[in-house]
C-alpha atoms as a PDB file:
ATOM      1  CA  MET A   1       0.000   0.000   0.000  1.00  0.00           C
ATOM      2  CA  ALA A   2       1.315   3.462  -0.816  1.00  0.00           C
ATOM      3  CA  GLU A   3       2.573   5.812   1.895  1.00  0.00           C
ATOM      4  CA  GLU A   4       0.019   8.109   3.461  1.00  0.00           C
ATOM      5  CA  ARG A   5      -0.798  11.092   1.272  1.00  0.00           C
ATOM      6  CA  GLN A   6      -0.307  14.351   3.115  1.00  0.00           C
ATOM      7  CA  GLY A   7      -3.038  16.989   2.978  1.00  0.00           C
ATOM      8  CA  THR A   8      -2.612  19.861   0.547  1.00  0.00           C
ATOM      9  CA  ALA A   9      -3.662  23.451   1.073  1.00  0.00           C
ATOM     10  CA  GLU A  10      -7.009  22.672  -0.533  1.00  0.00           C
ATOM     11  CA  GLU A  11      -7.569  19.976   2.112  1.00  0.00           C
ATOM     12  CA  ALA A  12      -7.022  22.177   5.151  1.00  0.00           C
ATOM     13  CA  ALA A  13     -10.645  21.578   6.138  1.00  0.00           C
ATOM     14  CA  PRO A  14     -13.042  18.808   5.054  1.00  0.00           C
ATOM     15  CA  GLY A  15     -14.364  19.713   1.632  1.00  0.00           C
ATOM     16  CA  GLY A  16     -12.563  23.045   1.705  1.00  0.00           C
ATOM     17  CA  GLU A  17     -11.022  24.911  -1.191  1.00  0.00           C
ATOM     18  CA  GLY A  18      -7.869  26.513   0.092  1.00  0.00           C
ATOM     19  CA  GLU A  19      -9.210  27.233   3.577  1.00  0.00           C
ATOM     20  CA  SER A  20      -6.428  27.907   6.047  1.00  0.00           C
ATOM     21  CA  PRO A  21      -6.792  26.594   9.602  1.00  0.00           C
ATOM     22  CA  HIS A  22      -5.881  30.137  10.695  1.00  0.00           C
ATOM     23  CA  ALA A  23      -8.353  31.916   8.404  1.00  0.00           C
ATOM     24  CA  ASP A  24     -11.200  34.005   9.785  1.00  0.00           C
ATOM     25  CA  PRO A  25     -13.988  31.458  10.517  1.00  0.00           C
ATOM     26  CA  GLU A  26     -16.761  33.843   9.471  1.00  0.00           C
ATOM     27  CA  ARG A  27     -15.088  34.451   6.122  1.00  0.00           C
ATOM     28  CA  ARG A  28     -13.454  31.098   5.375  1.00  0.00           C
ATOM     29  CA  ALA A  29     -15.650  28.445   7.034  1.00  0.00           C
ATOM     30  CA  PRO A  30     -16.345  25.535   4.647  1.00  0.00           C
ATOM     31  CA  ASP A  31     -19.905  25.060   3.475  1.00  0.00           C
ATOM     32  CA  PRO A  32     -21.706  22.314   5.495  1.00  0.00           C
ATOM     33  CA  GLU A  33     -23.571  21.097   2.407  1.00  0.00           C
ATOM     34  CA  ARG A  34     -20.320  20.612   0.520  1.00  0.00           C
ATOM     35  CA  VAL A  35     -18.714  18.864   3.500  1.00  0.00           C
ATOM     36  CA  TRP A  36     -21.769  16.601   3.774  1.00  0.00           C
ATOM     37  CA  GLU A  37     -21.305  15.573   0.136  1.00  0.00           C
ATOM     38  CA  ALA A  38     -17.672  14.669   0.824  1.00  0.00           C
ATOM     39  CA  LEU A  39     -18.650  12.841   4.027  1.00  0.00           C
ATOM     40  CA  VAL A  40     -21.202  10.682   2.201  1.00  0.00           C
ATOM     41  CA  ALA A  41     -18.629   9.895  -0.506  1.00  0.00           C
ATOM     42  CA  THR A  42     -16.163   8.792   2.195  1.00  0.00           C
ATOM     43  CA  ALA A  43     -18.790   6.621   3.892  1.00  0.00           C
ATOM     44  CA  ARG A  44     -19.619   4.944   0.588  1.00  0.00           C
ATOM     45  CA  ARG A  45     -15.926   4.344   0.020  1.00  0.00           C
ATOM     46  CA  THR A  46     -15.672   2.355   3.263  1.00  0.00           C
ATOM     47  CA  VAL A  47     -18.250  -0.048   1.842  1.00  0.00           C
ATOM     48  CA  THR A  48     -16.701  -0.212  -1.634  1.00  0.00           C
ATOM     49  CA  ASP A  49     -13.263  -0.930  -0.165  1.00  0.00           C
ATOM     50  CA  GLY A  50     -14.605  -3.647   2.137  1.00  0.00           C
ATOM     51  CA  LEU A  51     -13.945  -1.860   5.425  1.00  0.00           C
ATOM     52  CA  VAL A  52     -17.562  -2.123   6.545  1.00  0.00           C
ATOM     53  CA  VAL A  53     -20.571  -4.274   5.718  1.00  0.00           C
ATOM     54  CA  GLY A  54     -24.053  -2.824   5.409  1.00  0.00           C
ATOM     55  CA  THR A  55     -24.535   0.114   7.758  1.00  0.00           C
ATOM     56  CA  SER A  56     -21.741  -0.788  10.189  1.00  0.00           C
ATOM     57  CA  GLY A  57     -19.120   1.866  10.848  1.00  0.00           C
ATOM     58  CA  ASN A  58     -19.640   5.630  10.664  1.00  0.00           C
ATOM     59  CA  VAL A  59     -18.018   8.850   9.464  1.00  0.00           C
ATOM     60  CA  SER A  60     -18.075  12.420  10.744  1.00  0.00           C
ATOM     61  CA  ALA A  61     -16.579  15.826   9.948  1.00  0.00           C
ATOM     62  CA  ARG A  62     -16.335  18.988  12.020  1.00  0.00           C
ATOM     63  CA  VAL A  63     -17.238  22.421  10.643  1.00  0.00           C
ATOM     64  CA  GLY A  64     -16.673  24.984  13.372  1.00  0.00           C
ATOM     65  CA  ASP A  65     -18.811  23.868  16.316  1.00  0.00           C
ATOM     66  CA  LEU A  66     -20.986  21.728  14.028  1.00  0.00           C
ATOM     67  CA  VAL A  67     -20.330  17.997  13.667  1.00  0.00           C
ATOM     68  CA  LEU A  68     -21.811  16.334  10.597  1.00  0.00           C
ATOM     69  CA  VAL A  69     -22.331  12.583  11.078  1.00  0.00           C
ATOM     70  CA  THR A  70     -23.741   9.650   9.199  1.00  0.00           C
ATOM     71  CA  PRO A  71     -27.205   8.685  10.492  1.00  0.00           C
ATOM     72  CA  THR A  72     -27.861   5.351  12.155  1.00  0.00           C
ATOM     73  CA  GLY A  73     -29.218   2.402  10.184  1.00  0.00           C
ATOM     74  CA  VAL A  74     -29.326   4.079   6.758  1.00  0.00           C
ATOM     75  CA  PRO A  75     -27.408   2.480   3.837  1.00  0.00           C
ATOM     76  CA  TYR A  76     -24.885   5.004   2.554  1.00  0.00           C
ATOM     77  CA  ASP A  77     -25.990   4.641  -1.055  1.00  0.00           C
ATOM     78  CA  ARG A  78     -29.420   5.965  -0.048  1.00  0.00           C
ATOM     79  CA  LEU A  79     -28.168   9.175   1.557  1.00  0.00           C
ATOM     80  CA  THR A  80     -28.995  12.393  -0.295  1.00  0.00           C
ATOM     81  CA  PRO A  81     -28.193  16.098   0.247  1.00  0.00           C
ATOM     82  CA  ASP A  82     -31.540  16.407   2.066  1.00  0.00           C
ATOM     83  CA  ASP A  83     -30.391  13.842   4.646  1.00  0.00           C
ATOM     84  CA  ILE A  84     -27.697  16.091   6.106  1.00  0.00           C
ATOM     85  CA  THR A  85     -27.366  15.287   9.808  1.00  0.00           C
ATOM     86  CA  GLY A  86     -25.527  17.459  12.311  1.00  0.00           C
ATOM     87  CA  VAL A  87     -25.077  17.968  16.030  1.00  0.00           C
ATOM     88  CA  ASP A  88     -23.285  20.477  18.236  1.00  0.00           C
ATOM     89  CA  LEU A  89     -20.394  19.462  20.477  1.00  0.00           C
ATOM     90  CA  THR A  90     -22.812  18.512  23.275  1.00  0.00           C
ATOM     91  CA  GLY A  91     -24.575  16.045  20.973  1.00  0.00           C
ATOM     92  CA  ARG A  92     -27.715  18.143  20.507  1.00  0.00           C
ATOM     93  CA  GLN A  93     -29.094  17.667  17.006  1.00  0.00           C
ATOM     94  CA  VAL A  94     -29.151  20.940  15.076  1.00  0.00           C
ATOM     95  CA  LEU A  95     -29.444  19.723  11.473  1.00  0.00           C
ATOM     96  CA  GLY A  96     -31.719  17.136   9.875  1.00  0.00           C
ATOM     97  CA  THR A  97     -34.357  14.715  11.103  1.00  0.00           C
ATOM     98  CA  LEU A  98     -32.518  11.382  10.832  1.00  0.00           C
ATOM     99  CA  VAL A  99     -31.157   9.990  14.108  1.00  0.00           C
ATOM    100  CA  PRO A 100     -27.336  10.346  14.262  1.00  0.00           C
ATOM    101  CA  THR A 101     -25.055   7.319  14.456  1.00  0.00           C
ATOM    102  CA  SER A 102     -25.216   5.317  17.669  1.00  0.00           C
ATOM    103  CA  GLU A 103     -21.457   5.871  18.006  1.00  0.00           C
ATOM    104  CA  LEU A 104     -21.922   9.631  18.437  1.00  0.00           C
ATOM    105  CA  PRO A 105     -20.195   9.624  21.883  1.00  0.00           C
ATOM    106  CA  LEU A 106     -17.080   8.183  20.246  1.00  0.00           C
ATOM    107  CA  HIS A 107     -16.935  10.882  17.566  1.00  0.00           C
ATOM    108  CA  LEU A 108     -17.651  13.751  19.969  1.00  0.00           C
ATOM    109  CA  ALA A 109     -14.966  12.524  22.365  1.00  0.00           C
ATOM    110  CA  VAL A 110     -12.370  12.813  19.600  1.00  0.00           C
ATOM    111  CA  TYR A 111     -13.443  16.351  18.657  1.00  0.00           C
ATOM    112  CA  ARG A 112     -13.518  17.541  22.269  1.00  0.00           C
ATOM    113  CA  THR A 113      -9.995  16.342  23.019  1.00  0.00           C
ATOM    114  CA  THR A 114      -8.066  16.713  19.746  1.00  0.00           C
ATOM    115  CA  GLY A 115      -7.814  19.075  16.806  1.00  0.00           C
ATOM    116  CA  ALA A 116      -9.480  16.539  14.523  1.00  0.00           C
ATOM    117  CA  ARG A 117     -11.610  17.742  11.628  1.00  0.00           C
ATOM    118  CA  ALA A 118     -12.751  14.257  10.517  1.00  0.00           C
ATOM    119  CA  VAL A 119     -13.233  10.814  12.098  1.00  0.00           C
ATOM    120  CA  VAL A 120     -13.667   7.427  10.425  1.00  0.00           C
ATOM    121  CA  HIS A 121     -14.823   4.327  12.328  1.00  0.00           C
ATOM    122  CA  THR A 122     -14.930   0.929  10.592  1.00  0.00           C
ATOM    123  CA  HIS A 123     -15.365  -2.764  11.294  1.00  0.00           C
ATOM    124  CA  ALA A 124     -12.488  -3.759   8.992  1.00  0.00           C
ATOM    125  CA  VAL A 125     -11.948  -7.536   9.083  1.00  0.00           C
ATOM    126  CA  HIS A 126      -8.184  -7.810   9.614  1.00  0.00           C
ATOM    127  CA  ALA A 127      -8.062  -4.948  12.094  1.00  0.00           C
ATOM    128  CA  THR A 128     -10.925  -6.396  14.103  1.00  0.00           C
ATOM    129  CA  ALA A 129      -9.219  -9.802  14.070  1.00  0.00           C
ATOM    130  CA  VAL A 130      -6.013  -8.274  15.440  1.00  0.00           C
ATOM    131  CA  SER A 131      -8.006  -6.488  18.155  1.00  0.00           C
ATOM    132  CA  THR A 132      -8.990  -9.891  19.555  1.00  0.00           C
ATOM    133  CA  LEU A 133      -5.412 -11.177  19.721  1.00  0.00           C
ATOM    134  CA  VAL A 134      -3.032  -8.573  21.141  1.00  0.00           C
ATOM    135  CA  PRO A 135      -3.024  -5.419  23.330  1.00  0.00           C
ATOM    136  CA  GLU A 136      -1.373  -3.463  20.525  1.00  0.00           C
ATOM    137  CA  LEU A 137      -0.568  -4.032  16.867  1.00  0.00           C
ATOM    138  CA  PRO A 138       3.063  -5.219  16.654  1.00  0.00           C
ATOM    139  CA  ALA A 139       5.279  -2.700  14.860  1.00  0.00           C
ATOM    140  CA  VAL A 140       5.591  -4.691  11.667  1.00  0.00           C
ATOM    141  CA  HIS A 141       5.745  -1.686   9.319  1.00  0.00           C
ATOM    142  CA  TYR A 142       7.045   1.886   9.473  1.00  0.00           C
ATOM    143  CA  MET A 143       3.660   3.348   8.474  1.00  0.00           C
ATOM    144  CA  ALA A 144       2.690   2.968  12.142  1.00  0.00           C
ATOM    145  CA  GLY A 145       4.813   6.089  12.542  1.00  0.00           C
ATOM    146  CA  ALA A 146       2.208   8.035  10.557  1.00  0.00           C
ATOM    147  CA  LEU A 147      -0.297   7.243  13.322  1.00  0.00           C
ATOM    148  CA  GLY A 148       2.073   8.399  16.053  1.00  0.00           C
ATOM    149  CA  GLY A 149       3.606   5.030  16.946  1.00  0.00           C
ATOM    150  CA  THR A 150       2.543   1.525  17.846  1.00  0.00           C
ATOM    151  CA  VAL A 151      -1.237   1.249  17.534  1.00  0.00           C
ATOM    152  CA  ARG A 152      -2.961   0.347  20.807  1.00  0.00           C
ATOM    153  CA  VAL A 153      -6.116  -1.711  21.371  1.00  0.00           C
ATOM    154  CA  ALA A 154      -8.796  -0.089  23.539  1.00  0.00           C
ATOM    155  CA  PRO A 155     -10.468  -2.458  26.041  1.00  0.00           C
ATOM    156  CA  TYR A 156     -13.884  -3.739  25.046  1.00  0.00           C
ATOM    157  CA  ALA A 157     -17.027  -1.847  25.997  1.00  0.00           C
ATOM    158  CA  THR A 158     -20.558  -1.909  24.591  1.00  0.00           C
ATOM    159  CA  TYR A 159     -20.925   0.078  21.397  1.00  0.00           C
ATOM    160  CA  GLY A 160     -22.359   3.573  21.636  1.00  0.00           C
ATOM    161  CA  THR A 161     -21.428   4.034  25.301  1.00  0.00           C
ATOM    162  CA  GLU A 162     -19.399   6.676  27.110  1.00  0.00           C
ATOM    163  CA  GLU A 163     -17.268   3.830  28.490  1.00  0.00           C
ATOM    164  CA  LEU A 164     -16.214   2.883  24.966  1.00  0.00           C
ATOM    165  CA  ALA A 165     -15.415   6.521  24.182  1.00  0.00           C
ATOM    166  CA  GLU A 166     -13.268   6.793  27.323  1.00  0.00           C
ATOM    167  CA  ASN A 167     -11.416   3.563  26.537  1.00  0.00           C
ATOM    168  CA  MET A 168     -10.804   4.820  23.004  1.00  0.00           C
ATOM    169  CA  LEU A 169      -9.366   8.142  24.207  1.00  0.00           C
ATOM    170  CA  ARG A 170      -6.814   6.372  26.388  1.00  0.00           C
ATOM    171  CA  ALA A 171      -5.742   4.211  23.445  1.00  0.00           C
ATOM    172  CA  LEU A 172      -5.526   7.293  21.204  1.00  0.00           C
ATOM    173  CA  ALA A 173      -3.195   9.244  23.533  1.00  0.00           C
ATOM    174  CA  GLY A 174      -0.376  10.473  21.284  1.00  0.00           C
ATOM    175  CA  ARG A 175      -1.881   8.627  18.327  1.00  0.00           C
ATOM    176  CA  SER A 176      -4.262   9.400  15.446  1.00  0.00           C
ATOM    177  CA  GLY A 177      -5.660   5.873  15.288  1.00  0.00           C
ATOM    178  CA  CYS A 178      -6.425   2.874  17.470  1.00  0.00           C
ATOM    179  CA  LEU A 179      -8.176  -0.477  17.486  1.00  0.00           C
ATOM    180  CA  LEU A 180     -11.294  -1.239  19.533  1.00  0.00           C
ATOM    181  CA  ARG A 181     -11.250  -4.745  20.991  1.00  0.00           C
ATOM    182  CA  ASN A 182     -13.720  -7.106  19.294  1.00  0.00           C
ATOM    183  CA  HIS A 183     -15.076  -4.115  17.387  1.00  0.00           C
ATOM    184  CA  GLY A 184     -12.982  -2.287  14.790  1.00  0.00           C
ATOM    185  CA  THR A 185     -10.936   0.835  14.084  1.00  0.00           C
ATOM    186  CA  VAL A 186     -10.997   4.565  14.808  1.00  0.00           C
ATOM    187  CA  THR A 187      -8.817   7.096  13.006  1.00  0.00           C
ATOM    188  CA  TYR A 188      -8.945  10.863  12.732  1.00  0.00           C
ATOM    189  CA  GLY A 189      -7.271  13.570  10.697  1.00  0.00           C
ATOM    190  CA  ASP A 190      -7.288  17.123   9.403  1.00  0.00           C
ATOM    191  CA  THR A 191      -9.451  16.079   6.447  1.00  0.00           C
ATOM    192  CA  LEU A 192     -11.816  13.293   5.481  1.00  0.00           C
ATOM    193  CA  ASP A 193      -9.229  11.987   3.026  1.00  0.00           C
ATOM    194  CA  GLN A 194      -6.534  11.869   5.700  1.00  0.00           C
ATOM    195  CA  ALA A 195      -8.774  10.124   8.230  1.00  0.00           C
ATOM    196  CA  TYR A 196      -9.804   7.587   5.597  1.00  0.00           C
ATOM    197  CA  ASP A 197      -6.230   6.997   4.419  1.00  0.00           C
ATOM    198  CA  ARG A 198      -5.171   6.292   7.990  1.00  0.00           C
ATOM    199  CA  THR A 199      -7.971   3.748   8.351  1.00  0.00           C
ATOM    200  CA  ALA A 200      -6.933   2.024   5.130  1.00  0.00           C
ATOM    201  CA  GLN A 201      -3.273   1.977   6.233  1.00  0.00           C
ATOM    202  CA  LEU A 202      -4.222   0.541   9.634  1.00  0.00           C
ATOM    203  CA  GLU A 203      -6.258  -2.252   8.063  1.00  0.00           C
ATOM    204  CA  TRP A 204      -3.369  -3.015   5.690  1.00  0.00           C
ATOM    205  CA  MET A 205      -0.845  -3.190   8.556  1.00  0.00           C
ATOM    206  CA  CYS A 206      -3.133  -5.557  10.452  1.00  0.00           C
ATOM    207  CA  ARG A 207      -3.426  -7.774   7.395  1.00  0.00           C
ATOM    208  CA  LEU A 208       0.356  -7.680   6.970  1.00  0.00           C
ATOM    209  CA  TRP A 209       0.994  -8.757  10.560  1.00  0.00           C
ATOM    210  CA  LEU A 210      -1.575 -11.548  10.421  1.00  0.00           C
ATOM    211  CA  THR A 211      -0.021 -12.824   7.188  1.00  0.00           C
ATOM    212  CA  ALA A 212       3.573 -12.682   8.439  1.00  0.00           C
ATOM    213  CA  SER A 213       2.789 -14.183  11.844  1.00  0.00           C
ATOM    214  CA  SER A 214       0.949 -17.124  10.262  1.00  0.00           C
ATOM    215  CA  VAL A 215       4.133 -18.588   8.710  1.00  0.00           C
ATOM    216  CA  PRO A 216       4.998 -21.720  10.753  1.00  0.00           C
ATOM    217  CA  GLY A 217       8.304 -21.603  12.616  1.00  0.00           C
ATOM    218  CA  LEU A 218       9.016 -17.954  11.878  1.00  0.00           C
ATOM    219  CA  THR A 219       8.383 -14.735  13.791  1.00  0.00           C
ATOM    220  CA  PRO A 220       8.046 -11.345  12.075  1.00  0.00           C
ATOM    221  CA  SER A 221      10.824  -8.838  12.754  1.00  0.00           C
ATOM    222  CA  LEU A 222       9.532  -5.700  14.443  1.00  0.00           C
ATOM    223  CA  LEU A 223      10.636  -2.072  14.398  1.00  0.00           C
ATOM    224  CA  THR A 224      11.836  -0.234  17.490  1.00  0.00           C
ATOM    225  CA  GLU A 225      10.152   2.852  18.938  1.00  0.00           C
ATOM    226  CA  ALA A 226      13.083   4.928  17.687  1.00  0.00           C
ATOM    227  CA  GLN A 227      12.668   3.579  14.167  1.00  0.00           C
ATOM    228  CA  LEU A 228       8.952   4.351  14.211  1.00  0.00           C
ATOM    229  CA  ALA A 229       9.599   7.865  15.515  1.00  0.00           C
ATOM    230  CA  GLU A 230      12.139   8.508  12.755  1.00  0.00           C
ATOM    231  CA  ALA A 231       9.709   7.243  10.105  1.00  0.00           C
ATOM    232  CA  GLY A 232       6.917   9.366  11.553  1.00  0.00           C
ATOM    233  CA  ALA A 233       9.073  12.485  11.402  1.00  0.00           C
ATOM    234  CA  ARG A 234       9.986  11.819   7.762  1.00  0.00           C
ATOM    235  CA  LEU A 235       6.361  11.139   6.821  1.00  0.00           C
ATOM    236  CA  LYS A 236       5.335  14.579   8.071  1.00  0.00           C
ATOM    237  CA  GLY A 237       7.231  16.050   5.139  1.00  0.00           C
ATOM    238  CA  TYR A 238       6.050  13.488   2.599  1.00  0.00           C
ATOM    239  CA  GLY A 239       4.172  14.582  -0.530  1.00  0.00           C
ATOM    240  CA  GLN A 240       3.883  17.679  -2.683  1.00  0.00           C
ATOM    241  CA  ARG A 241       3.883  21.246  -1.440  1.00  0.00           C
ATOM    242  CA  ARG A 242       2.012  24.128  -3.046  1.00  0.00           C
END
């Protein structure tokens, strides 16, 4: 899988066109309708790429103090511009009539404690399998550095609960992605594309470790924390600049 693509100036905010994170919010805030369109496209991509099945998983994006989220129980291919669903940072619904995702506490916890502008949660097969086996994903590839280091597994808690959100936050400390035990993945980023790319990279690393560790009589070589930190620093400068 290719290295993580770094966000360009046009991707400074979800769906934005050249918005700067330091721009005047009244003058430069991205349009919620345009962000919703990008959010739905990202959600559909999780299905197309096999990271979720049916209506499992969810996607969100932050626009100022508004959080746009996928609604619960609605197939992504049926979502239209009229289905825009949004809440404030307390979880109070302020846009739309469809009920927000049941994992809303998880998404809001990320936005309240990080600078995230987008969150992607999936039930990816290989990542979920790894979450049942180890307390953290072994450092089998340097792309873990793009997530801040070795990816931790949050202890199990019932979906949609504050307990799950709290467990997730502890696993995310110093990281931009984690695994949820017997559940799936959570990643966040400055843009929807970045959050999605991190999810795809995490699933790929889980598949890589499962494949390598399944060879009889052999044990995969792992990277050190220093090696991951060095890779992470180099990845921050990866990609084109405008």
